[in-house]
Amino acid sequence: MEYSFKDLTKDMLTEVLEMVKSTKNFTVEQAPDYIKQLLAYKLISNYIGVVICVLFIIASIIIPFYFNHFAVNLFCGVAIFVFFIGSILNIDNIIKIKVAPKVFIVDYISNLLNPKPKE
């Protein structure tokens, strides 16, 4: 039995439409669970980020007591500043996730769709 080009095209389009419908149904069913898991992951990730930044801040405060040298003191001062900013950014994300999860999700999706250009 020979198929014409029209029949093959019709069969292929029918299969593609069925796949799109099943993908749409799967996406609609799984989206709430995915969002819940994403929020949990980002929350824990930001908590870990805050803990790591605080540990580095503490280390940067303690190190100059053992190595009293200008370069070490300068490096530790800059490190304290950088890790303080890092912890503030992580805390900001934690607040977004806890208080306004929809705002966090919209920001996250917009960053995925429109990444900032690298200079």
C-alpha atoms as a PDB file:
ATOM      1  CA  MET A   1       0.000   0.000   0.000  1.00  0.00           C
ATOM      2  CA  GLU A   2       1.439   3.313  -1.051  1.00  0.00           C
ATOM      3  CA  TYR A   3       0.930   6.508   0.825  1.00  0.00           C
ATOM      4  CA  SER A   4       0.750   9.799  -0.928  1.00  0.00           C
ATOM      5  CA  PHE A   5       2.646  12.818   0.299  1.00  0.00           C
ATOM      6  CA  LYS A   6      -0.627  14.360   1.448  1.00  0.00           C
ATOM      7  CA  ASP A   7      -1.489  11.296   3.561  1.00  0.00           C
ATOM      8  CA  LEU A   8       1.976  11.199   5.124  1.00  0.00           C
ATOM      9  CA  THR A   9       1.817  14.886   5.956  1.00  0.00           C
ATOM     10  CA  LYS A  10      -1.638  14.471   7.465  1.00  0.00           C
ATOM     11  CA  ASP A  11      -0.477  11.510   9.583  1.00  0.00           C
ATOM     12  CA  MET A  12       2.616  13.359  10.752  1.00  0.00           C
ATOM     13  CA  LEU A  13       0.626  16.472  11.698  1.00  0.00           C
ATOM     14  CA  THR A  14      -1.865  14.326  13.593  1.00  0.00           C
ATOM     15  CA  GLU A  15       0.960  12.698  15.550  1.00  0.00           C
ATOM     16  CA  VAL A  16       2.566  16.068  16.287  1.00  0.00           C
ATOM     17  CA  LEU A  17      -0.757  17.463  17.532  1.00  0.00           C
ATOM     18  CA  GLU A  18      -1.238  14.456  19.806  1.00  0.00           C
ATOM     19  CA  MET A  19       2.271  14.925  21.220  1.00  0.00           C
ATOM     20  CA  VAL A  20       1.612  18.627  21.843  1.00  0.00           C
ATOM     21  CA  LYS A  21      -1.640  17.821  23.642  1.00  0.00           C
ATOM     22  CA  SER A  22       0.014  15.212  25.854  1.00  0.00           C
ATOM     23  CA  THR A  23       2.934  17.559  26.599  1.00  0.00           C
ATOM     24  CA  LYS A  24       0.526  20.359  27.503  1.00  0.00           C
ATOM     25  CA  ASN A  25      -1.424  18.074  29.841  1.00  0.00           C
ATOM     26  CA  PHE A  26       1.782  16.868  31.480  1.00  0.00           C
ATOM     27  CA  THR A  27       3.034  20.434  31.929  1.00  0.00           C
ATOM     28  CA  VAL A  28      -0.241  21.637  33.433  1.00  0.00           C
ATOM     29  CA  GLU A  29      -0.343  18.677  35.833  1.00  0.00           C
ATOM     30  CA  GLN A  30       3.290  18.939  36.947  1.00  0.00           C
ATOM     31  CA  ALA A  31       3.705  22.737  37.137  1.00  0.00           C
ATOM     32  CA  PRO A  32       2.512  23.230  40.757  1.00  0.00           C
ATOM     33  CA  ASP A  33       4.771  20.471  42.052  1.00  0.00           C
ATOM     34  CA  TYR A  34       7.701  21.831  40.050  1.00  0.00           C
ATOM     35  CA  ILE A  35       7.176  25.339  41.440  1.00  0.00           C
ATOM     36  CA  LYS A  36       6.991  23.999  44.998  1.00  0.00           C
ATOM     37  CA  GLN A  37      10.223  22.048  44.516  1.00  0.00           C
ATOM     38  CA  LEU A  38      11.944  25.029  42.885  1.00  0.00           C
ATOM     39  CA  LEU A  39      11.020  27.288  45.806  1.00  0.00           C
ATOM     40  CA  ALA A  40      12.231  24.719  48.344  1.00  0.00           C
ATOM     41  CA  TYR A  41      15.520  24.251  46.471  1.00  0.00           C
ATOM     42  CA  LYS A  42      16.166  27.993  46.140  1.00  0.00           C
ATOM     43  CA  LEU A  43      15.269  28.582  49.798  1.00  0.00           C
ATOM     44  CA  ILE A  44      17.722  25.958  51.038  1.00  0.00           C
ATOM     45  CA  SER A  45      20.340  27.131  48.550  1.00  0.00           C
ATOM     46  CA  ASN A  46      20.068  30.705  49.828  1.00  0.00           C
ATOM     47  CA  TYR A  47      20.212  29.573  53.473  1.00  0.00           C
ATOM     48  CA  ILE A  48      23.425  27.685  52.684  1.00  0.00           C
ATOM     49  CA  GLY A  49      24.757  30.780  50.891  1.00  0.00           C
ATOM     50  CA  VAL A  50      24.116  32.924  53.975  1.00  0.00           C
ATOM     51  CA  VAL A  51      25.826  30.397  56.240  1.00  0.00           C
ATOM     52  CA  ILE A  52      28.870  30.190  53.974  1.00  0.00           C
ATOM     53  CA  CYS A  53      29.120  33.983  53.716  1.00  0.00           C
ATOM     54  CA  VAL A  54      28.870  34.370  57.500  1.00  0.00           C
ATOM     55  CA  LEU A  55      31.569  31.731  58.013  1.00  0.00           C
ATOM     56  CA  PHE A  56      33.877  33.559  55.612  1.00  0.00           C
ATOM     57  CA  ILE A  57      33.125  36.871  57.350  1.00  0.00           C
ATOM     58  CA  ILE A  58      34.052  35.319  60.703  1.00  0.00           C
ATOM     59  CA  ALA A  59      37.241  33.866  59.190  1.00  0.00           C
ATOM     60  CA  SER A  60      38.078  37.252  57.672  1.00  0.00           C
ATOM     61  CA  ILE A  61      37.696  38.872  61.096  1.00  0.00           C
ATOM     62  CA  ILE A  62      39.842  36.267  62.883  1.00  0.00           C
ATOM     63  CA  ILE A  63      42.695  35.927  60.336  1.00  0.00           C
ATOM     64  CA  PRO A  64      44.182  39.428  60.839  1.00  0.00           C
ATOM     65  CA  PHE A  65      44.755  38.654  64.536  1.00  0.00           C
ATOM     66  CA  TYR A  66      47.158  35.864  63.545  1.00  0.00           C
ATOM     67  CA  PHE A  67      48.819  37.564  60.569  1.00  0.00           C
ATOM     68  CA  ASN A  68      49.322  41.216  61.394  1.00  0.00           C
ATOM     69  CA  HIS A  69      50.344  42.476  57.972  1.00  0.00           C
ATOM     70  CA  PHE A  70      48.907  45.342  55.914  1.00  0.00           C
ATOM     71  CA  ALA A  71      48.168  43.204  52.825  1.00  0.00           C
ATOM     72  CA  VAL A  72      46.388  40.566  54.901  1.00  0.00           C
ATOM     73  CA  ASN A  73      44.360  43.213  56.707  1.00  0.00           C
ATOM     74  CA  LEU A  74      43.411  44.864  53.413  1.00  0.00           C
ATOM     75  CA  PHE A  75      42.460  41.538  51.824  1.00  0.00           C
ATOM     76  CA  CYS A  76      40.357  40.552  54.825  1.00  0.00           C
ATOM     77  CA  GLY A  77      38.620  43.945  54.834  1.00  0.00           C
ATOM     78  CA  VAL A  78      37.677  43.549  51.170  1.00  0.00           C
ATOM     79  CA  ALA A  79      36.594  39.952  51.802  1.00  0.00           C
ATOM     80  CA  ILE A  80      34.332  41.053  54.657  1.00  0.00           C
ATOM     81  CA  PHE A  81      32.700  43.617  52.375  1.00  0.00           C
ATOM     82  CA  VAL A  82      32.216  41.143  49.500  1.00  0.00           C
ATOM     83  CA  PHE A  83      30.799  38.377  51.691  1.00  0.00           C
ATOM     84  CA  PHE A  84      28.547  40.877  53.477  1.00  0.00           C
ATOM     85  CA  ILE A  85      27.064  41.909  50.114  1.00  0.00           C
ATOM     86  CA  GLY A  86      26.695  38.220  49.186  1.00  0.00           C
ATOM     87  CA  SER A  87      24.849  37.466  52.396  1.00  0.00           C
ATOM     88  CA  ILE A  88      22.546  40.466  51.875  1.00  0.00           C
ATOM     89  CA  LEU A  89      21.653  39.223  48.378  1.00  0.00           C
ATOM     90  CA  ASN A  90      20.918  35.736  49.718  1.00  0.00           C
ATOM     91  CA  ILE A  91      18.802  37.179  52.531  1.00  0.00           C
ATOM     92  CA  ASP A  92      16.894  39.256  49.960  1.00  0.00           C
ATOM     93  CA  ASN A  93      16.075  36.069  48.029  1.00  0.00           C
ATOM     94  CA  ILE A  94      15.006  34.310  51.242  1.00  0.00           C
ATOM     95  CA  ILE A  95      12.640  37.179  52.021  1.00  0.00           C
ATOM     96  CA  LYS A  96      11.217  37.045  48.486  1.00  0.00           C
ATOM     97  CA  ILE A  97      10.644  33.295  48.734  1.00  0.00           C
ATOM     98  CA  LYS A  98       9.029  33.499  52.186  1.00  0.00           C
ATOM     99  CA  VAL A  99       6.945  36.674  51.773  1.00  0.00           C
ATOM    100  CA  ALA A 100       6.247  36.902  48.041  1.00  0.00           C
ATOM    101  CA  PRO A 101       6.958  33.622  46.233  1.00  0.00           C
ATOM    102  CA  LYS A 102       5.159  34.783  43.085  1.00  0.00           C
ATOM    103  CA  VAL A 103       7.490  37.772  42.825  1.00  0.00           C
ATOM    104  CA  PHE A 104      10.478  35.439  43.167  1.00  0.00           C
ATOM    105  CA  ILE A 105       9.129  33.104  40.488  1.00  0.00           C
ATOM    106  CA  VAL A 106       8.464  35.980  38.074  1.00  0.00           C
ATOM    107  CA  ASP A 107      11.979  37.365  38.677  1.00  0.00           C
ATOM    108  CA  TYR A 108      13.481  33.908  38.235  1.00  0.00           C
ATOM    109  CA  ILE A 109      11.620  33.256  34.974  1.00  0.00           C
ATOM    110  CA  SER A 110      12.398  36.722  33.610  1.00  0.00           C
ATOM    111  CA  ASN A 111      16.097  36.147  34.358  1.00  0.00           C
ATOM    112  CA  LEU A 112      15.925  32.827  32.519  1.00  0.00           C
ATOM    113  CA  LEU A 113      14.207  34.332  29.484  1.00  0.00           C
ATOM    114  CA  ASN A 114      16.216  37.558  29.358  1.00  0.00           C
ATOM    115  CA  PRO A 115      19.693  36.886  30.735  1.00  0.00           C
ATOM    116  CA  LYS A 116      21.834  39.908  31.429  1.00  0.00           C
ATOM    117  CA  PRO A 117      24.487  40.385  28.732  1.00  0.00           C
ATOM    118  CA  LYS A 118      28.030  39.578  29.727  1.00  0.00           C
ATOM    119  CA  GLU A 119      30.383  42.468  29.233  1.00  0.00           C
END
